[in-house]
Amino acid sequence: MLGLAKQKNTALLMFGFMLAQLSFSEVFAEQRPFNLGSVATKVQVAGWDIDVRPDGLGAPFGAGNAIDGEEVYTDRCASCHGDFGEAVDNWPALVGGEGTLSSHDPVKTTGSYWPYASTMYDYIYRAMPFGEAQSLSFDETYQIVAYLLYMGDIIDEDFELSHLNIGDIKMPNRNGFLLPDPRPDVFTLNEEPCMENCDTYSNIVGKARELDVTPEEEG
């Protein structure tokens, strides 16, 4: 008799569990009209929520300075970008290029081109080192960014870059980007986009062959 009672209790528990699962499935089905996949948990969403905005919003807790950053940069970045950000082979330079953006041969680096230090943090943490993306800690990323800013004469070597001040760093090219977007096929602040016969100003500043981006004909 005792064995039979245990079996009944187990059956009731299993039935209750199945009802609960069905009720959850119905709730999730309402959120997923095609009933595909599953609803992401808060932990799963947090793993993807790593963007850092221009004002520093979203920057993770951490800090670093250029003194510590030099060692991390040398170990994790210099093999491609050079000991001083000058670049190795065809890898991009990270330092220099000031005053070249309006020339026929602009050098776009973190110091000469990028408008926000927070963008540097976002990209480096998200995608670097090449082939080992997101292997850097928060502090290591702050240290690398601080080292690059120091080499670009933007901060002092002992400046403590952190989540509290990364949005306040004044980059040389912060005002070098046009807002609203001047292209005619995008929405402006107060108008509909122009899709045909658009009257827009254009100024040719160089030719592809002069910029050395056109392959030379052989023979």
C-alpha atoms as a PDB file:
ATOM      1  CA  MET A   1       0.000   0.000   0.000  1.00  0.00           C
ATOM      2  CA  LEU A   2       2.834   2.388   0.870  1.00  0.00           C
ATOM      3  CA  GLY A   3       4.460   1.749  -2.492  1.00  0.00           C
ATOM      4  CA  LEU A   4       1.205   2.469  -4.271  1.00  0.00           C
ATOM      5  CA  ALA A   5       0.774   5.746  -2.361  1.00  0.00           C
ATOM      6  CA  LYS A   6       4.306   6.849  -3.295  1.00  0.00           C
ATOM      7  CA  GLN A   7       3.593   6.107  -6.936  1.00  0.00           C
ATOM      8  CA  LYS A   8       0.401   8.205  -6.768  1.00  0.00           C
ATOM      9  CA  ASN A   9       2.261  11.113  -5.138  1.00  0.00           C
ATOM     10  CA  THR A  10       5.003  10.930  -7.754  1.00  0.00           C
ATOM     11  CA  ALA A  11       2.421  10.889 -10.528  1.00  0.00           C
ATOM     12  CA  LEU A  12       0.660  13.933  -9.033  1.00  0.00           C
ATOM     13  CA  LEU A  13       3.963  15.826  -8.776  1.00  0.00           C
ATOM     14  CA  MET A  14       4.831  15.020 -12.374  1.00  0.00           C
ATOM     15  CA  PHE A  15       1.367  16.115 -13.502  1.00  0.00           C
ATOM     16  CA  GLY A  16       1.730  19.401 -11.613  1.00  0.00           C
ATOM     17  CA  PHE A  17       5.148  19.975 -13.158  1.00  0.00           C
ATOM     18  CA  MET A  18       3.764  19.365 -16.640  1.00  0.00           C
ATOM     19  CA  LEU A  19       0.911  21.823 -16.039  1.00  0.00           C
ATOM     20  CA  ALA A  20       3.395  24.445 -14.881  1.00  0.00           C
ATOM     21  CA  GLN A  21       5.531  23.891 -17.970  1.00  0.00           C
ATOM     22  CA  LEU A  22       2.481  24.221 -20.201  1.00  0.00           C
ATOM     23  CA  SER A  23       1.440  27.466 -18.527  1.00  0.00           C
ATOM     24  CA  PHE A  24       4.944  28.907 -18.981  1.00  0.00           C
ATOM     25  CA  SER A  25       4.949  27.747 -22.587  1.00  0.00           C
ATOM     26  CA  GLU A  26       1.677  29.565 -23.195  1.00  0.00           C
ATOM     27  CA  VAL A  27       3.107  32.785 -21.738  1.00  0.00           C
ATOM     28  CA  PHE A  28       6.256  32.490 -23.827  1.00  0.00           C
ATOM     29  CA  ALA A  29       4.194  31.614 -26.892  1.00  0.00           C
ATOM     30  CA  GLU A  30       2.369  34.934 -26.535  1.00  0.00           C
ATOM     31  CA  GLN A  31       5.738  36.686 -26.536  1.00  0.00           C
ATOM     32  CA  ARG A  32       6.928  34.592 -29.501  1.00  0.00           C
ATOM     33  CA  PRO A  33       4.170  34.565 -32.162  1.00  0.00           C
ATOM     34  CA  PHE A  34       5.909  31.837 -34.165  1.00  0.00           C
ATOM     35  CA  ASN A  35       6.848  29.864 -31.048  1.00  0.00           C
ATOM     36  CA  LEU A  36      10.479  29.651 -32.167  1.00  0.00           C
ATOM     37  CA  GLY A  37      13.513  29.668 -29.890  1.00  0.00           C
ATOM     38  CA  SER A  38      13.255  30.739 -26.266  1.00  0.00           C
ATOM     39  CA  VAL A  39      13.081  33.972 -24.324  1.00  0.00           C
ATOM     40  CA  ALA A  40      16.571  35.195 -23.397  1.00  0.00           C
ATOM     41  CA  THR A  41      17.335  35.395 -19.686  1.00  0.00           C
ATOM     42  CA  LYS A  42      18.705  38.534 -18.024  1.00  0.00           C
ATOM     43  CA  VAL A  43      22.103  36.867 -17.712  1.00  0.00           C
ATOM     44  CA  GLN A  44      22.165  36.046 -21.433  1.00  0.00           C
ATOM     45  CA  VAL A  45      21.150  39.596 -22.364  1.00  0.00           C
ATOM     46  CA  ALA A  46      23.828  41.046 -20.067  1.00  0.00           C
ATOM     47  CA  GLY A  47      26.471  39.058 -21.923  1.00  0.00           C
ATOM     48  CA  TRP A  48      25.622  40.938 -25.130  1.00  0.00           C
ATOM     49  CA  ASP A  49      25.019  44.323 -23.514  1.00  0.00           C
ATOM     50  CA  ILE A  50      28.611  45.582 -23.721  1.00  0.00           C
ATOM     51  CA  ASP A  51      28.231  48.792 -25.740  1.00  0.00           C
ATOM     52  CA  VAL A  52      29.699  52.008 -24.329  1.00  0.00           C
ATOM     53  CA  ARG A  53      28.057  55.214 -25.514  1.00  0.00           C
ATOM     54  CA  PRO A  54      29.839  58.485 -26.352  1.00  0.00           C
ATOM     55  CA  ASP A  55      28.946  60.009 -22.982  1.00  0.00           C
ATOM     56  CA  GLY A  56      30.369  56.965 -21.175  1.00  0.00           C
ATOM     57  CA  LEU A  57      27.009  55.396 -20.376  1.00  0.00           C
ATOM     58  CA  GLY A  58      27.430  51.633 -20.262  1.00  0.00           C
ATOM     59  CA  ALA A  59      31.133  51.723 -19.401  1.00  0.00           C
ATOM     60  CA  PRO A  60      31.870  48.833 -17.024  1.00  0.00           C
ATOM     61  CA  PHE A  61      33.327  49.374 -13.574  1.00  0.00           C
ATOM     62  CA  GLY A  62      37.093  49.571 -13.815  1.00  0.00           C
ATOM     63  CA  ALA A  63      40.116  51.841 -14.212  1.00  0.00           C
ATOM     64  CA  GLY A  64      43.623  52.031 -15.637  1.00  0.00           C
ATOM     65  CA  ASN A  65      46.464  54.402 -16.472  1.00  0.00           C
ATOM     66  CA  ALA A  66      49.090  54.619 -19.202  1.00  0.00           C
ATOM     67  CA  ILE A  67      51.901  53.428 -16.935  1.00  0.00           C
ATOM     68  CA  ASP A  68      50.208  50.062 -16.449  1.00  0.00           C
ATOM     69  CA  GLY A  69      48.808  50.152 -19.964  1.00  0.00           C
ATOM     70  CA  GLU A  70      52.227  50.147 -21.600  1.00  0.00           C
ATOM     71  CA  GLU A  71      52.927  46.616 -20.370  1.00  0.00           C
ATOM     72  CA  VAL A  72      49.513  45.301 -21.401  1.00  0.00           C
ATOM     73  CA  TYR A  73      49.747  46.995 -24.794  1.00  0.00           C
ATOM     74  CA  THR A  74      53.229  45.579 -25.404  1.00  0.00           C
ATOM     75  CA  ASP A  75      52.031  42.080 -24.558  1.00  0.00           C
ATOM     76  CA  ARG A  76      48.679  42.095 -26.351  1.00  0.00           C
ATOM     77  CA  CYS A  77      48.798  44.764 -29.090  1.00  0.00           C
ATOM     78  CA  ALA A  78      52.340  45.686 -30.173  1.00  0.00           C
ATOM     79  CA  SER A  79      52.925  42.648 -32.387  1.00  0.00           C
ATOM     80  CA  CYS A  80      50.448  44.109 -34.904  1.00  0.00           C
ATOM     81  CA  HIS A  81      50.306  47.809 -34.103  1.00  0.00           C
ATOM     82  CA  GLY A  82      53.936  48.490 -33.168  1.00  0.00           C
ATOM     83  CA  ASP A  83      55.501  49.394 -29.830  1.00  0.00           C
ATOM     84  CA  PHE A  84      54.385  53.008 -30.179  1.00  0.00           C
ATOM     85  CA  GLY A  85      51.247  52.548 -32.274  1.00  0.00           C
ATOM     86  CA  GLU A  86      53.126  53.158 -35.525  1.00  0.00           C
ATOM     87  CA  ALA A  87      51.815  49.886 -37.075  1.00  0.00           C
ATOM     88  CA  VAL A  88      53.578  46.758 -38.308  1.00  0.00           C
ATOM     89  CA  ASP A  89      53.318  45.765 -41.988  1.00  0.00           C
ATOM     90  CA  ASN A  90      49.749  46.435 -43.158  1.00  0.00           C
ATOM     91  CA  TRP A  91      48.135  46.577 -39.729  1.00  0.00           C
ATOM     92  CA  PRO A  92      46.617  50.003 -38.945  1.00  0.00           C
ATOM     93  CA  ALA A  93      48.516  52.692 -37.070  1.00  0.00           C
ATOM     94  CA  LEU A  94      46.933  53.719 -33.789  1.00  0.00           C
ATOM     95  CA  VAL A  95      48.914  56.880 -33.042  1.00  0.00           C
ATOM     96  CA  GLY A  96      49.808  59.927 -35.119  1.00  0.00           C
ATOM     97  CA  GLY A  97      48.077  61.445 -38.131  1.00  0.00           C
ATOM     98  CA  GLU A  98      47.277  64.783 -36.517  1.00  0.00           C
ATOM     99  CA  GLY A  99      46.538  67.416 -39.151  1.00  0.00           C
ATOM    100  CA  THR A 100      46.280  64.928 -42.028  1.00  0.00           C
ATOM    101  CA  LEU A 101      42.517  64.432 -42.268  1.00  0.00           C
ATOM    102  CA  SER A 102      42.023  67.236 -44.797  1.00  0.00           C
ATOM    103  CA  SER A 103      44.972  66.114 -46.909  1.00  0.00           C
ATOM    104  CA  HIS A 104      45.042  63.712 -49.875  1.00  0.00           C
ATOM    105  CA  ASP A 105      46.577  61.059 -47.635  1.00  0.00           C
ATOM    106  CA  PRO A 106      44.676  61.151 -44.320  1.00  0.00           C
ATOM    107  CA  VAL A 107      45.997  58.994 -41.483  1.00  0.00           C
ATOM    108  CA  LYS A 108      43.025  57.941 -39.372  1.00  0.00           C
ATOM    109  CA  THR A 109      44.152  56.865 -35.908  1.00  0.00           C
ATOM    110  CA  THR A 110      42.556  56.711 -32.486  1.00  0.00           C
ATOM    111  CA  GLY A 111      43.975  60.156 -31.752  1.00  0.00           C
ATOM    112  CA  SER A 112      43.524  61.959 -35.068  1.00  0.00           C
ATOM    113  CA  TYR A 113      40.146  60.586 -36.169  1.00  0.00           C
ATOM    114  CA  TRP A 114      38.086  58.913 -33.460  1.00  0.00           C
ATOM    115  CA  PRO A 115      35.685  61.389 -31.823  1.00  0.00           C
ATOM    116  CA  TYR A 116      35.226  59.686 -28.440  1.00  0.00           C
ATOM    117  CA  ALA A 117      37.483  57.795 -26.039  1.00  0.00           C
ATOM    118  CA  SER A 118      34.494  55.642 -25.106  1.00  0.00           C
ATOM    119  CA  THR A 119      34.370  54.386 -28.706  1.00  0.00           C
ATOM    120  CA  MET A 120      37.977  53.253 -28.330  1.00  0.00           C
ATOM    121  CA  TYR A 121      37.048  51.299 -25.192  1.00  0.00           C
ATOM    122  CA  ASP A 122      33.974  49.759 -26.841  1.00  0.00           C
ATOM    123  CA  TYR A 123      35.858  48.566 -29.910  1.00  0.00           C
ATOM    124  CA  ILE A 124      38.978  47.327 -28.140  1.00  0.00           C
ATOM    125  CA  TYR A 125      37.018  45.349 -25.545  1.00  0.00           C
ATOM    126  CA  ARG A 126      34.575  44.009 -28.139  1.00  0.00           C
ATOM    127  CA  ALA A 127      36.964  43.000 -30.933  1.00  0.00           C
ATOM    128  CA  MET A 128      40.605  43.000 -29.816  1.00  0.00           C
ATOM    129  CA  PRO A 129      43.157  41.473 -29.765  1.00  0.00           C
ATOM    130  CA  PHE A 130      42.663  40.112 -33.258  1.00  0.00           C
ATOM    131  CA  GLY A 131      41.630  36.469 -32.973  1.00  0.00           C
ATOM    132  CA  GLU A 132      41.161  36.751 -29.185  1.00  0.00           C
ATOM    133  CA  ALA A 133      38.180  39.070 -28.943  1.00  0.00           C
ATOM    134  CA  GLN A 134      36.821  39.810 -25.448  1.00  0.00           C
ATOM    135  CA  SER A 135      39.768  38.147 -23.739  1.00  0.00           C
ATOM    136  CA  LEU A 136      40.811  41.440 -22.085  1.00  0.00           C
ATOM    137  CA  SER A 137      39.548  42.328 -18.622  1.00  0.00           C
ATOM    138  CA  PHE A 138      37.788  45.636 -17.987  1.00  0.00           C
ATOM    139  CA  ASP A 139      40.866  47.069 -16.266  1.00  0.00           C
ATOM    140  CA  GLU A 140      43.207  45.894 -19.032  1.00  0.00           C
ATOM    141  CA  THR A 141      41.020  47.625 -21.610  1.00  0.00           C
ATOM    142  CA  TYR A 142      41.053  50.885 -19.642  1.00  0.00           C
ATOM    143  CA  GLN A 143      44.842  50.587 -19.376  1.00  0.00           C
ATOM    144  CA  ILE A 144      45.279  50.113 -23.139  1.00  0.00           C
ATOM    145  CA  VAL A 145      42.965  53.039 -23.932  1.00  0.00           C
ATOM    146  CA  ALA A 146      44.841  55.210 -21.423  1.00  0.00           C
ATOM    147  CA  TYR A 147      48.171  54.267 -23.027  1.00  0.00           C
ATOM    148  CA  LEU A 148      46.909  55.184 -26.509  1.00  0.00           C
ATOM    149  CA  LEU A 149      45.514  58.486 -25.228  1.00  0.00           C
ATOM    150  CA  TYR A 150      48.817  59.220 -23.529  1.00  0.00           C
ATOM    151  CA  MET A 151      50.793  58.484 -26.704  1.00  0.00           C
ATOM    152  CA  GLY A 152      48.459  60.880 -28.521  1.00  0.00           C
ATOM    153  CA  ASP A 153      49.193  63.634 -25.958  1.00  0.00           C
ATOM    154  CA  ILE A 154      45.558  63.660 -24.839  1.00  0.00           C
ATOM    155  CA  ILE A 155      46.070  62.669 -21.180  1.00  0.00           C
ATOM    156  CA  ASP A 156      49.014  62.439 -18.768  1.00  0.00           C
ATOM    157  CA  GLU A 157      50.622  59.072 -18.102  1.00  0.00           C
ATOM    158  CA  ASP A 158      49.387  58.948 -14.487  1.00  0.00           C
ATOM    159  CA  PHE A 159      45.811  59.959 -15.350  1.00  0.00           C
ATOM    160  CA  GLU A 160      43.411  57.322 -14.005  1.00  0.00           C
ATOM    161  CA  LEU A 161      40.944  56.553 -16.783  1.00  0.00           C
ATOM    162  CA  SER A 162      37.763  54.915 -15.504  1.00  0.00           C
ATOM    163  CA  HIS A 163      34.065  54.362 -16.045  1.00  0.00           C
ATOM    164  CA  LEU A 164      33.487  57.651 -14.225  1.00  0.00           C
ATOM    165  CA  ASN A 165      35.418  59.900 -16.625  1.00  0.00           C
ATOM    166  CA  ILE A 166      35.841  58.144 -19.975  1.00  0.00           C
ATOM    167  CA  GLY A 167      32.880  60.079 -21.386  1.00  0.00           C
ATOM    168  CA  ASP A 168      34.530  63.385 -20.419  1.00  0.00           C
ATOM    169  CA  ILE A 169      37.747  62.954 -22.441  1.00  0.00           C
ATOM    170  CA  LYS A 170      38.002  65.653 -25.125  1.00  0.00           C
ATOM    171  CA  MET A 171      39.259  64.068 -28.339  1.00  0.00           C
ATOM    172  CA  PRO A 172      40.922  66.278 -30.996  1.00  0.00           C
ATOM    173  CA  ASN A 173      38.408  65.329 -33.709  1.00  0.00           C
ATOM    174  CA  ARG A 174      35.279  65.382 -31.567  1.00  0.00           C
ATOM    175  CA  ASN A 175      33.738  68.130 -33.726  1.00  0.00           C
ATOM    176  CA  GLY A 176      34.972  66.696 -37.002  1.00  0.00           C
ATOM    177  CA  PHE A 177      31.784  64.775 -37.756  1.00  0.00           C
ATOM    178  CA  LEU A 178      28.765  66.457 -39.351  1.00  0.00           C
ATOM    179  CA  LEU A 179      25.334  66.429 -37.736  1.00  0.00           C
ATOM    180  CA  PRO A 180      22.770  66.139 -39.069  1.00  0.00           C
ATOM    181  CA  ASP A 181      24.036  63.685 -41.675  1.00  0.00           C
ATOM    182  CA  PRO A 182      24.488  65.705 -44.920  1.00  0.00           C
ATOM    183  CA  ARG A 183      23.780  62.787 -47.249  1.00  0.00           C
ATOM    184  CA  PRO A 184      20.509  63.376 -49.158  1.00  0.00           C
ATOM    185  CA  ASP A 185      19.168  59.819 -48.837  1.00  0.00           C
ATOM    186  CA  VAL A 186      18.915  59.800 -45.038  1.00  0.00           C
ATOM    187  CA  PHE A 187      16.393  61.408 -42.734  1.00  0.00           C
ATOM    188  CA  THR A 188      17.257  64.897 -41.534  1.00  0.00           C
ATOM    189  CA  LEU A 189      15.939  66.382 -38.316  1.00  0.00           C
ATOM    190  CA  ASN A 190      13.010  68.193 -39.936  1.00  0.00           C
ATOM    191  CA  GLU A 191      12.646  66.858 -43.472  1.00  0.00           C
ATOM    192  CA  GLU A 192      11.920  63.724 -45.441  1.00  0.00           C
ATOM    193  CA  PRO A 193      14.895  62.139 -47.249  1.00  0.00           C
ATOM    194  CA  CYS A 194      15.524  63.071 -50.874  1.00  0.00           C
ATOM    195  CA  MET A 195      15.351  59.982 -53.085  1.00  0.00           C
ATOM    196  CA  GLU A 196      15.716  61.417 -56.630  1.00  0.00           C
ATOM    197  CA  ASN A 197      16.965  64.530 -58.438  1.00  0.00           C
ATOM    198  CA  CYS A 198      18.615  65.674 -55.220  1.00  0.00           C
ATOM    199  CA  ASP A 199      20.351  69.030 -55.280  1.00  0.00           C
ATOM    200  CA  THR A 200      23.369  68.414 -53.097  1.00  0.00           C
ATOM    201  CA  TYR A 201      26.813  69.980 -53.058  1.00  0.00           C
ATOM    202  CA  SER A 202      29.811  67.842 -53.978  1.00  0.00           C
ATOM    203  CA  ASN A 203      33.477  68.702 -54.027  1.00  0.00           C
ATOM    204  CA  ILE A 204      36.087  66.396 -55.595  1.00  0.00           C
ATOM    205  CA  VAL A 205      39.220  66.625 -53.478  1.00  0.00           C
ATOM    206  CA  GLY A 206      41.265  63.862 -55.076  1.00  0.00           C
ATOM    207  CA  LYS A 207      41.333  61.103 -57.639  1.00  0.00           C
ATOM    208  CA  ALA A 208      41.686  57.426 -56.871  1.00  0.00           C
ATOM    209  CA  ARG A 209      44.945  57.120 -58.810  1.00  0.00           C
ATOM    210  CA  GLU A 210      46.427  60.062 -56.909  1.00  0.00           C
ATOM    211  CA  LEU A 211      45.438  58.437 -53.635  1.00  0.00           C
ATOM    212  CA  ASP A 212      47.130  55.216 -54.773  1.00  0.00           C
ATOM    213  CA  VAL A 213      44.073  53.027 -54.364  1.00  0.00           C
ATOM    214  CA  THR A 214      43.683  52.139 -58.066  1.00  0.00           C
ATOM    215  CA  PRO A 215      45.620  49.014 -59.169  1.00  0.00           C
ATOM    216  CA  GLU A 216      48.155  49.737 -61.851  1.00  0.00           C
ATOM    217  CA  GLU A 217      47.733  48.059 -65.225  1.00  0.00           C
ATOM    218  CA  GLU A 218      50.364  45.480 -66.047  1.00  0.00           C
ATOM    219  CA  GLY A 219      51.977  45.050 -69.426  1.00  0.00           C
END
